[in-house]
Protein backbone atom coordinates (compact mmCIF):
# COMPACT_ATOMS: atom_id res chain seq x y z
CA MET A 1 126.75 53.82 93.67
CA ALA A 2 128.04 54.63 97.11
CA MET A 3 125.60 55.21 99.91
CA GLN A 4 125.22 58.93 100.50
CA ARG A 5 125.12 60.45 103.95
CA GLY A 6 121.60 60.63 105.36
CA THR A 7 120.23 57.96 103.03
CA THR A 8 119.30 54.36 103.66
CA LEU A 9 118.83 51.29 101.51
CA ARG A 10 115.09 51.97 101.61
CA HIS A 11 115.70 55.47 100.22
CA TRP A 12 117.61 54.00 97.30
CA LEU A 13 114.94 51.34 96.67
CA GLU A 14 112.34 54.13 96.45
CA TYR A 15 114.54 56.47 94.45
CA VAL A 16 115.83 54.25 91.64
CA PRO A 17 112.40 53.18 90.26
CA ALA A 18 111.14 56.77 90.49
CA TRP A 19 114.25 58.11 88.73
CA LEU A 20 113.98 55.47 85.99
CA MET A 21 110.27 56.21 85.48
CA VAL A 22 110.76 59.96 85.22
CA LYS A 23 113.72 59.58 82.88
CA ALA A 24 111.93 56.99 80.71
CA LEU A 25 108.82 59.18 80.36
CA GLY A 26 111.05 62.16 79.67
CA CYS A 27 112.47 60.38 76.62
CA LEU A 28 109.01 60.09 75.08
CA PRO A 29 107.13 62.75 73.13
CA ARG A 30 104.77 64.65 75.43
CA SER A 31 101.63 63.03 74.01
CA TRP A 32 103.01 59.57 74.69
CA ALA A 33 104.34 60.54 78.13
CA LEU A 34 100.87 61.77 79.15
CA THR A 35 99.15 58.65 77.86
CA VAL A 36 101.60 56.31 79.59
CA GLY A 37 101.34 58.42 82.75
CA GLU A 38 97.56 58.16 82.73
CA TRP A 39 97.74 54.38 82.39
CA LEU A 40 100.23 54.27 85.27
CA GLY A 41 97.76 56.28 87.32
CA LEU A 42 95.00 53.78 86.59
CA LEU A 43 97.36 50.90 87.40
CA THR A 44 98.15 52.57 90.73
CA TYR A 45 94.43 52.78 91.44
CA SER A 46 94.15 49.04 90.87
CA VAL A 47 97.13 47.87 92.94
CA TRP A 48 97.60 50.45 95.72
CA GLY A 49 94.75 49.57 98.03
CA ARG A 50 95.66 51.95 100.86
CA LEU A 51 95.52 55.04 98.61
CA ARG A 52 92.34 53.80 96.96
CA ARG A 53 90.64 53.33 100.34
CA VAL A 54 91.61 56.84 101.47
CA GLY A 55 90.25 58.27 98.23
CA HIS A 56 86.95 56.44 98.57
CA ARG A 57 86.63 57.52 102.19
CA ASN A 58 87.20 61.18 101.30
CA LEU A 59 84.68 61.03 98.47
CA ALA A 60 82.11 59.41 100.77
CA LEU A 61 82.65 62.23 103.29
CA VAL A 62 82.37 65.01 100.70
CA PHE A 63 79.81 63.56 98.25
CA PRO A 64 77.54 61.26 100.28
CA GLN A 65 74.83 61.67 97.65
CA MET A 66 76.99 59.93 95.03
CA SER A 67 76.55 56.24 94.41
CA PRO A 68 79.56 53.98 95.02
CA ARG A 69 79.83 53.49 91.28
CA GLU A 70 79.99 57.25 90.67
CA ARG A 71 82.66 57.64 93.35
CA ARG A 72 84.73 54.84 91.81
CA HIS A 73 84.52 56.51 88.40
CA LEU A 74 85.53 59.88 89.85
CA LEU A 75 88.42 58.43 91.82
CA ARG A 76 89.74 56.62 88.74
CA ARG A 77 89.76 59.96 86.91
CA ALA A 78 91.63 61.52 89.84
CA PHE A 79 94.29 58.78 89.67
CA ARG A 80 94.48 59.35 85.93
CA ASN A 81 95.12 63.02 86.65
CA LEU A 82 98.00 62.09 88.99
CA GLY A 83 99.53 59.93 86.29
CA ARG A 84 99.19 62.77 83.80
CA LEU A 85 100.97 65.05 86.27
CA LEU A 86 103.86 62.58 86.30
CA GLY A 87 103.96 62.68 82.50
CA GLU A 88 104.05 66.48 82.46
CA PHE A 89 106.70 66.56 85.20
CA SER A 90 108.97 64.27 83.18
CA GLN A 91 108.95 66.80 80.32
CA PHE A 92 110.24 69.76 82.36
CA PRO A 93 113.84 69.58 81.02
CA THR A 94 112.55 69.99 77.45
CA LEU A 95 110.21 72.94 78.04
CA THR A 96 111.09 76.45 76.92
CA ARG A 97 109.32 79.80 76.78
CA GLU A 98 108.37 78.99 73.17
CA THR A 99 107.09 75.45 73.72
CA ILE A 100 105.16 76.19 76.91
CA ARG A 101 102.71 78.33 74.91
CA THR A 102 101.44 75.20 73.15
CA ILE A 103 100.77 73.48 76.50
CA VAL A 104 99.60 76.16 78.96
CA THR A 105 97.49 79.25 78.19
CA TYR A 106 96.19 81.92 80.56
CA GLU A 107 92.76 82.95 81.75
CA GLY A 108 92.54 85.99 84.00
CA LEU A 109 96.24 86.89 83.83
CA GLU A 110 95.23 90.55 84.17
CA HIS A 111 94.19 89.84 87.79
CA TYR A 112 97.67 88.62 88.62
CA GLU A 113 99.41 91.46 86.77
CA ARG A 114 97.34 94.13 88.52
CA ALA A 115 98.11 92.58 91.88
CA ARG A 116 101.80 92.43 91.02
CA ALA A 117 101.82 96.08 89.95
CA GLN A 118 100.89 97.14 93.49
CA GLY A 119 104.49 96.44 94.51
CA ARG A 120 103.72 94.56 97.74
CA GLY A 121 104.43 91.11 96.37
CA VAL A 122 101.70 88.58 95.53
CA LEU A 123 100.44 85.56 97.45
CA ILE A 124 99.05 82.80 95.22
CA LEU A 125 96.36 80.70 96.87
CA THR A 126 96.42 77.27 95.30
CA ALA A 127 96.19 73.55 96.06
CA HIS A 128 97.30 70.09 94.98
CA PHE A 129 94.99 70.49 92.03
CA GLY A 130 95.39 69.45 88.40
CA ALA A 131 99.03 69.38 87.28
CA TRP A 132 100.07 71.69 90.13
CA GLU A 133 103.79 71.21 89.50
CA LEU A 134 103.36 72.44 85.93
CA SER A 135 101.41 75.48 87.13
CA ALA A 136 104.36 77.21 88.82
CA PHE A 137 106.83 75.91 86.24
CA ALA A 138 104.85 77.35 83.31
CA HIS A 139 104.26 80.67 85.07
CA ALA A 140 108.03 81.08 85.45
CA LEU A 141 108.70 80.20 81.80
CA TYR A 142 106.26 82.95 80.81
CA GLY A 143 108.49 85.36 82.72
CA TYR A 144 106.82 85.39 86.15
CA ARG A 145 109.32 83.65 88.39
CA MET A 146 108.13 82.89 91.87
CA ALA A 147 108.94 81.09 95.09
CA PHE A 148 106.73 78.52 96.74
CA LEU A 149 106.58 76.79 100.07
CA VAL A 150 107.45 73.10 100.18
CA ARG A 151 107.74 70.42 102.82
CA PRO A 152 110.92 68.42 102.16
CA LEU A 153 110.25 64.76 101.45
CA ASP A 154 111.37 62.14 103.94
CA ASN A 155 113.49 60.56 101.20
CA PRO A 156 116.40 62.99 100.56
CA LEU A 157 117.18 61.42 97.16
CA LEU A 158 113.64 61.87 95.84
CA ASP A 159 113.55 65.33 97.38
CA ARG A 160 116.70 66.30 95.48
CA LEU A 161 115.34 64.92 92.20
CA ILE A 162 112.05 66.81 92.51
CA GLU A 163 113.82 70.01 93.59
CA THR A 164 116.08 69.84 90.54
CA TYR A 165 113.10 69.60 88.18
CA ARG A 166 111.03 72.22 90.00
CA THR A 167 113.75 74.86 89.74
CA LEU A 168 114.65 74.37 86.07
CA SER A 169 112.41 77.30 85.08
CA GLY A 170 113.99 79.71 87.55
CA ASN A 171 111.62 79.26 90.49
CA ARG A 172 112.99 78.79 93.97
CA LEU A 173 111.79 76.75 96.92
CA ILE A 174 111.26 77.87 100.49
CA PRO A 175 111.14 75.03 103.06
CA LYS A 176 108.07 75.31 105.28
CA ARG A 177 110.16 75.13 108.42
CA ASP A 178 110.96 78.72 109.47
CA ALA A 179 109.34 79.95 106.25
CA ALA A 180 107.67 83.08 107.64
CA ARG A 181 110.84 85.18 107.85
CA ARG A 182 111.95 84.28 104.32
CA VAL A 183 108.51 84.87 102.87
CA LEU A 184 108.21 88.28 104.52
CA ARG A 185 111.54 89.29 103.03
CA ALA A 186 110.50 88.03 99.59
CA LEU A 187 107.21 89.94 99.71
CA ARG A 188 109.02 93.13 100.71
CA GLU A 189 111.12 92.66 97.57
CA GLY A 190 107.98 92.31 95.42
CA GLU A 191 108.21 88.57 94.82
CA THR A 192 105.34 86.16 94.19
CA ILE A 193 104.85 83.35 96.71
CA GLY A 194 102.75 80.27 96.00
CA ILE A 195 101.11 78.50 98.93
CA LEU A 196 99.32 75.16 98.68
CA MET A 197 97.05 75.24 101.71
CA ASP A 198 94.90 72.14 101.20
CA LEU A 199 96.88 69.71 103.36
CA ASN A 200 96.11 68.45 106.85
CA THR A 201 98.13 70.11 109.62
CA GLN A 202 98.81 69.26 113.24
CA PRO A 203 96.81 70.96 116.03
CA HIS A 204 99.74 73.13 117.15
CA GLU A 205 100.16 74.41 113.57
CA GLY A 206 96.61 74.93 112.38
CA LEU A 207 93.05 76.06 113.00
CA PHE A 208 89.93 73.94 112.64
CA CYS A 209 88.07 75.62 109.79
CA ASP A 210 85.13 74.36 107.79
CA PHE A 211 86.03 72.48 104.60
CA PHE A 212 83.29 70.63 102.75
CA GLY A 213 81.06 70.88 105.80
CA ARG A 214 83.37 69.47 108.44
CA PRO A 215 86.26 70.89 110.50
CA ALA A 216 89.66 70.51 108.83
CA CYS A 217 92.90 71.50 110.54
CA THR A 218 94.18 74.25 108.25
CA SER A 219 97.37 76.30 108.20
CA PRO A 220 96.69 79.99 109.01
CA LEU A 221 100.02 81.08 107.48
CA LEU A 222 98.47 82.67 104.40
CA ALA A 223 96.10 84.77 106.48
CA HIS A 224 98.89 85.85 108.82
CA LEU A 225 101.10 86.91 105.90
CA ALA A 226 98.36 88.80 104.07
CA LEU A 227 97.14 90.63 107.15
CA ARG A 228 100.67 91.66 108.07
CA THR A 229 101.94 92.70 104.64
CA GLU A 230 98.80 93.72 102.69
CA ALA A 231 100.09 91.58 99.83
CA PRO A 232 97.15 90.72 97.53
CA ILE A 233 95.97 87.10 97.52
CA VAL A 234 95.26 85.80 94.02
CA PRO A 235 93.67 82.35 93.57
CA GLY A 236 95.49 80.43 90.83
CA PHE A 237 94.66 76.96 89.51
CA LEU A 238 95.74 74.90 86.49
CA ILE A 239 92.74 73.39 84.70
CA TRP A 240 92.97 70.48 82.28
CA ASP A 241 91.21 70.61 78.91
CA GLU A 242 90.61 67.03 77.81
CA ARG A 243 89.59 68.06 74.28
CA THR A 244 92.83 69.89 73.46
CA ARG A 245 95.07 67.94 75.89
CA THR A 246 96.35 71.28 77.19
CA HIS A 247 95.99 73.32 80.39
CA VAL A 248 94.57 76.71 81.31
CA LEU A 249 96.28 78.63 84.11
CA HIS A 250 93.34 80.45 85.67
CA PHE A 251 93.61 83.45 88.00
CA ASP A 252 90.69 84.95 89.92
CA PRO A 253 90.59 88.55 91.19
CA PRO A 254 92.37 89.10 94.53
CA ILE A 255 90.42 88.01 97.60
CA PRO A 256 89.38 90.97 99.80
CA LEU A 257 90.69 90.59 103.34
CA ILE A 258 88.34 90.60 106.31
CA ARG A 259 89.38 93.03 109.05
CA THR A 260 87.26 93.24 112.21
CA GLY A 261 89.84 94.76 114.54
CA ASP A 262 90.30 91.43 116.37
CA PRO A 263 93.55 89.89 115.01
CA GLU A 264 92.77 86.30 116.03
CA ARG A 265 89.27 86.48 114.60
CA ASP A 266 90.61 88.02 111.39
CA VAL A 267 93.03 85.12 110.91
CA ARG A 268 90.26 82.58 111.41
CA LEU A 269 87.70 84.33 109.19
CA ASN A 270 90.17 84.79 106.35
CA THR A 271 91.42 81.20 106.60
CA GLU A 272 87.81 80.03 106.38
CA ARG A 273 87.32 82.23 103.31
CA PHE A 274 90.38 80.70 101.65
CA ASN A 275 89.02 77.21 102.31
CA THR A 276 85.76 78.26 100.67
CA VAL A 277 87.66 79.32 97.54
CA LEU A 278 89.50 75.99 97.42
CA GLU A 279 86.26 74.10 97.90
CA SER A 280 84.57 75.95 95.06
CA PHE A 281 87.28 74.96 92.57
CA ILE A 282 87.31 71.35 93.76
CA ARG A 283 83.54 71.13 93.37
CA ARG A 284 83.82 72.43 89.81
CA TYR A 285 86.69 70.08 88.88
CA PRO A 286 86.51 67.20 91.37
CA ASP A 287 88.78 64.90 89.38
CA HIS A 288 91.59 67.48 89.64
CA TRP A 289 92.08 67.22 93.43
CA LEU A 290 94.34 65.01 95.56
CA TRP A 291 91.67 62.79 97.08
CA VAL A 292 94.25 60.28 98.34
CA HIS A 293 95.43 62.68 101.07
CA LYS A 294 93.92 62.29 104.56
CA ARG A 295 92.67 65.88 104.68
CA TRP A 296 90.56 65.34 107.83
CA HIS A 297 93.09 63.17 109.68
CA THR A 298 93.57 65.66 112.56
CA ARG A 299 90.35 65.80 114.55
CA PRO A 300 89.00 68.33 117.04
CA PRO A 301 89.40 67.21 120.66
CA GLY A 302 86.99 64.44 121.55
CA GLU A 303 85.92 63.64 117.98
CA PRO A 304 86.52 60.12 116.63
CA PRO A 305 88.93 59.46 113.74
CA LEU A 306 87.54 59.44 110.21
CA TYR A 307 90.09 57.02 108.73
CA GLU A 308 91.08 53.48 109.57
């Protein structure tokens, strides 16, 4: 294949194995694809030392009371979850509105529907939790198409592959760069916007808000959007059921906004509240979260780094 503009040999070396893996898993029945994906996740835990070290560091920061053995067991389950996500992702081209009902069911859908009926659009508060790619994909197949914010990958080939799969159900992507204007327009038109707000941000982009008892640089975008538009904020998370090997798409009631009359304080207080919601779900389902991300990488001025 000819080298495409904007790509390098390294991009191709990363892309081809990923493409082959996704396509190979996609040829398997779902049950097999999930099992193989879970084993790939465990293999990744064994061979990818850098990710494993980040995961152990995060777990030590969040759950200091756990023994090293307990943290190892939890992190292995989290890697298994990532492998299962890959298996589910590979099946996207085969999913339909009929087949999705055997894989994803709802809990609390009435909270989302009531928020949607207000006509101001809906903001979904979510995270890199469970099979998060399947969450938005399934919601669209059920008839609730949405847009969600994404940060384009550094590898344009992988980015194109993932974008193709993500949009098969009718969803659309909004790049995070200059996203505010597009999101405001979408909300005015009554659309649903999904925002994953559990990633580390740079100091010029975020606020230091408490997350698991320590300051984490957090994007205030969701608070800004909600305060400006009055769009309801509905927490939504996809929860894995090991017994049935299926998922539950869970929605909580909308989060009431805090308004004190001080705009800057309102943004901070609401962003802290959103972090509290994320933390509560992660504590309930700790093996569902992306522990291999350096969530506390950006530090407040004068504080030492938490990672090697």
